[in-house]
């Protein structure tokens, strides 16, 4: 992980909110949300907003890691979704690295529409050793399969 490069990350970009990223659309696809999805509003779902922000931060961090050896994974997300964002709204996202750890970077991100600040938060990502993460996943899959008696779900 290139700490010097990470410390200099600063980005600004726009994101047009698609029609299918509303709370109503997202919850309609979830087993626990389908019963009440139609009662929700047609505005950007918080989950999608977090995914957009995290994806930009991961993209920026990936430029400073050796992807053959390291994989960028999320550790912590703290957000305040401050205002509704209707579909077709153009968001202006601005972010920078606020802090560095030995293998991590914490990004500060804000998003505005033409009216107000709609998102303020931090995302902490870790440059984990790829082989270690893959080994942990394989171990967990094995343990879950053993707990189910070898049946795949």
Protein backbone atom coordinates (compact mmCIF):
# COMPACT_ATOMS: atom_id res chain seq x y z
CA UNK A 1 0.00 0.00 0.00
CA UNK A 2 1.37 3.37 -1.05
CA UNK A 3 0.65 5.58 1.97
CA UNK A 4 2.04 8.73 0.38
CA UNK A 5 -0.23 8.33 -2.63
CA UNK A 6 -3.22 7.54 -0.43
CA UNK A 7 -2.67 10.63 1.69
CA UNK A 8 -3.04 12.80 -1.42
CA UNK A 9 -6.36 11.40 -2.62
CA UNK A 10 -9.01 13.99 -3.27
CA UNK A 11 -11.91 13.51 -5.69
CA UNK A 12 -14.88 15.38 -7.08
CA UNK A 13 -17.40 13.86 -9.43
CA UNK A 14 -21.06 13.72 -10.30
CA UNK A 15 -23.52 10.87 -10.11
CA UNK A 16 -26.94 10.81 -11.79
CA UNK A 17 -29.39 8.87 -9.64
CA UNK A 18 -31.08 6.11 -11.69
CA UNK A 19 -34.79 5.38 -11.41
CA UNK A 20 -34.17 1.87 -10.04
CA UNK A 21 -32.13 2.97 -7.01
CA UNK A 22 -35.04 4.23 -4.93
CA UNK A 23 -36.02 2.91 -1.50
CA UNK A 24 -39.22 1.51 -3.01
CA UNK A 25 -37.30 -0.36 -5.73
CA UNK A 26 -34.67 -1.76 -3.37
CA UNK A 27 -37.04 -2.93 -0.67
CA UNK A 28 -39.37 -4.56 -3.22
CA UNK A 29 -36.51 -6.99 -3.95
CA UNK A 30 -35.88 -7.88 -0.32
CA UNK A 31 -37.85 -10.65 1.38
CA UNK A 32 -38.42 -8.60 4.54
CA UNK A 33 -39.26 -5.40 2.66
CA UNK A 34 -41.52 -6.52 -0.16
CA UNK A 35 -44.68 -6.30 1.98
CA UNK A 36 -44.28 -2.58 2.60
CA UNK A 37 -42.08 -1.43 -0.30
CA UNK A 38 -44.95 0.36 -2.05
CA UNK A 39 -45.48 2.57 1.01
CA UNK A 40 -41.94 3.97 0.71
CA UNK A 41 -40.89 7.09 -1.14
CA UNK A 42 -39.39 7.34 -4.60
CA UNK A 43 -36.04 8.71 -3.47
CA UNK A 44 -32.51 7.32 -3.44
CA UNK A 45 -32.21 4.47 -0.92
CA UNK A 46 -29.61 5.01 1.78
CA UNK A 47 -28.11 1.61 0.95
CA UNK A 48 -27.50 2.61 -2.65
CA UNK A 49 -26.04 5.93 -1.57
CA UNK A 50 -23.58 4.12 0.70
CA UNK A 51 -22.68 1.72 -2.13
CA UNK A 52 -22.02 4.60 -4.54
CA UNK A 53 -19.79 6.38 -2.02
CA UNK A 54 -17.95 3.19 -1.05
CA UNK A 55 -17.38 2.22 -4.68
CA UNK A 56 -15.74 5.57 -5.43
CA UNK A 57 -13.50 5.32 -2.36
CA UNK A 58 -12.50 1.74 -3.28
CA UNK A 59 -11.72 2.81 -6.83
CA UNK A 60 -9.46 5.59 -5.55
CA UNK A 61 -7.69 3.33 -3.02
CA UNK A 62 -7.14 0.58 -5.60
CA UNK A 63 -4.81 2.93 -7.45
CA UNK A 64 -2.42 2.71 -4.48
CA UNK A 65 -2.36 -1.01 -3.70
CA UNK A 66 -0.85 -4.04 -5.41
CA UNK A 67 -4.03 -5.82 -6.52
CA UNK A 68 -2.15 -9.09 -7.05
CA UNK A 69 -1.29 -9.17 -3.34
CA UNK A 70 -3.86 -6.90 -1.68
CA UNK A 71 -7.61 -6.50 -1.86
CA UNK A 72 -9.49 -3.43 -0.68
CA UNK A 73 -12.28 -4.28 1.76
CA UNK A 74 -14.67 -2.16 3.76
CA UNK A 75 -14.33 -1.93 7.53
CA UNK A 76 -16.45 0.96 8.81
CA UNK A 77 -19.07 3.30 7.40
CA UNK A 78 -20.45 6.26 9.37
CA UNK A 79 -22.99 8.34 7.49
CA UNK A 80 -25.66 10.92 7.82
CA UNK A 81 -28.19 10.78 4.99
CA UNK A 82 -29.40 14.35 5.37
CA UNK A 83 -31.90 14.92 2.59
CA UNK A 84 -34.12 13.17 0.04
CA UNK A 85 -32.67 12.60 -3.42
CA UNK A 86 -35.27 12.00 -6.16
CA UNK A 87 -34.42 9.88 -9.22
CA UNK A 88 -32.64 11.76 -12.03
CA UNK A 89 -31.01 14.12 -9.53
CA UNK A 90 -27.37 14.88 -10.24
CA UNK A 91 -25.24 14.56 -7.10
CA UNK A 92 -21.87 16.24 -6.68
CA UNK A 93 -19.64 14.01 -4.57
CA UNK A 94 -16.49 15.34 -2.98
CA UNK A 95 -14.08 13.26 -0.91
CA UNK A 96 -10.60 13.13 0.52
CA UNK A 97 -8.49 10.94 2.77
CA UNK A 98 -8.99 12.15 6.31
CA UNK A 99 -6.80 9.60 8.09
CA UNK A 100 -4.39 6.75 7.49
CA UNK A 101 -3.65 3.62 9.48
CA UNK A 102 -1.02 0.98 8.88
CA UNK A 103 -3.16 -0.76 6.24
CA UNK A 104 -6.25 1.48 6.17
CA UNK A 105 -7.54 4.78 4.87
CA UNK A 106 -10.50 6.78 6.14
CA UNK A 107 -12.27 8.87 3.53
CA UNK A 108 -14.45 11.87 4.30
CA UNK A 109 -17.20 12.23 1.70
CA UNK A 110 -19.94 14.78 1.15
CA UNK A 111 -22.65 14.84 -1.51
CA UNK A 112 -24.73 17.81 -2.57
CA UNK A 113 -27.61 18.16 -4.96
CA UNK A 114 -28.54 21.57 -6.40
CA UNK A 115 -30.45 22.37 -3.22
CA UNK A 116 -28.53 21.08 -0.18
CA UNK A 117 -25.98 18.78 1.45
CA UNK A 118 -27.62 15.33 1.27
CA UNK A 119 -24.81 13.09 2.54
CA UNK A 120 -21.94 13.50 4.98
CA UNK A 121 -19.87 10.62 6.23
CA UNK A 122 -16.71 8.60 6.50
CA UNK A 123 -15.71 5.29 4.96
CA UNK A 124 -12.77 3.29 6.29
CA UNK A 125 -11.22 0.79 3.91
CA UNK A 126 -8.45 -1.74 4.53
CA UNK A 127 -5.81 -3.08 2.15
CA UNK A 128 -5.97 -6.71 3.26
CA UNK A 129 -3.65 -9.45 2.13
CA UNK A 130 -5.57 -11.24 -0.63
CA UNK A 131 -4.32 -14.73 0.29
CA UNK A 132 -5.31 -14.23 3.93
CA UNK A 133 -8.84 -13.09 3.06
CA UNK A 134 -9.30 -15.92 0.55
CA UNK A 135 -8.11 -18.43 3.19
CA UNK A 136 -10.51 -17.02 5.79
CA UNK A 137 -13.40 -17.25 3.32
CA UNK A 138 -12.55 -20.86 2.44
CA UNK A 139 -12.33 -21.75 6.14
CA UNK A 140 -15.68 -20.14 6.81
CA UNK A 141 -17.35 -21.91 3.88
CA UNK A 142 -15.99 -25.21 5.18
CA UNK A 143 -17.26 -24.52 8.69
CA UNK A 144 -20.71 -23.51 7.43
CA UNK A 145 -20.96 -26.61 5.25
CA UNK A 146 -19.89 -28.81 8.17
CA UNK A 147 -22.51 -27.18 10.39
CA UNK A 148 -25.18 -27.96 7.79
CA UNK A 149 -24.01 -31.54 7.47
CA UNK A 150 -22.31 -30.96 4.13
CA UNK A 151 -25.50 -29.70 2.43
CA UNK A 152 -25.11 -26.72 0.15
CA UNK A 153 -27.71 -24.03 0.46
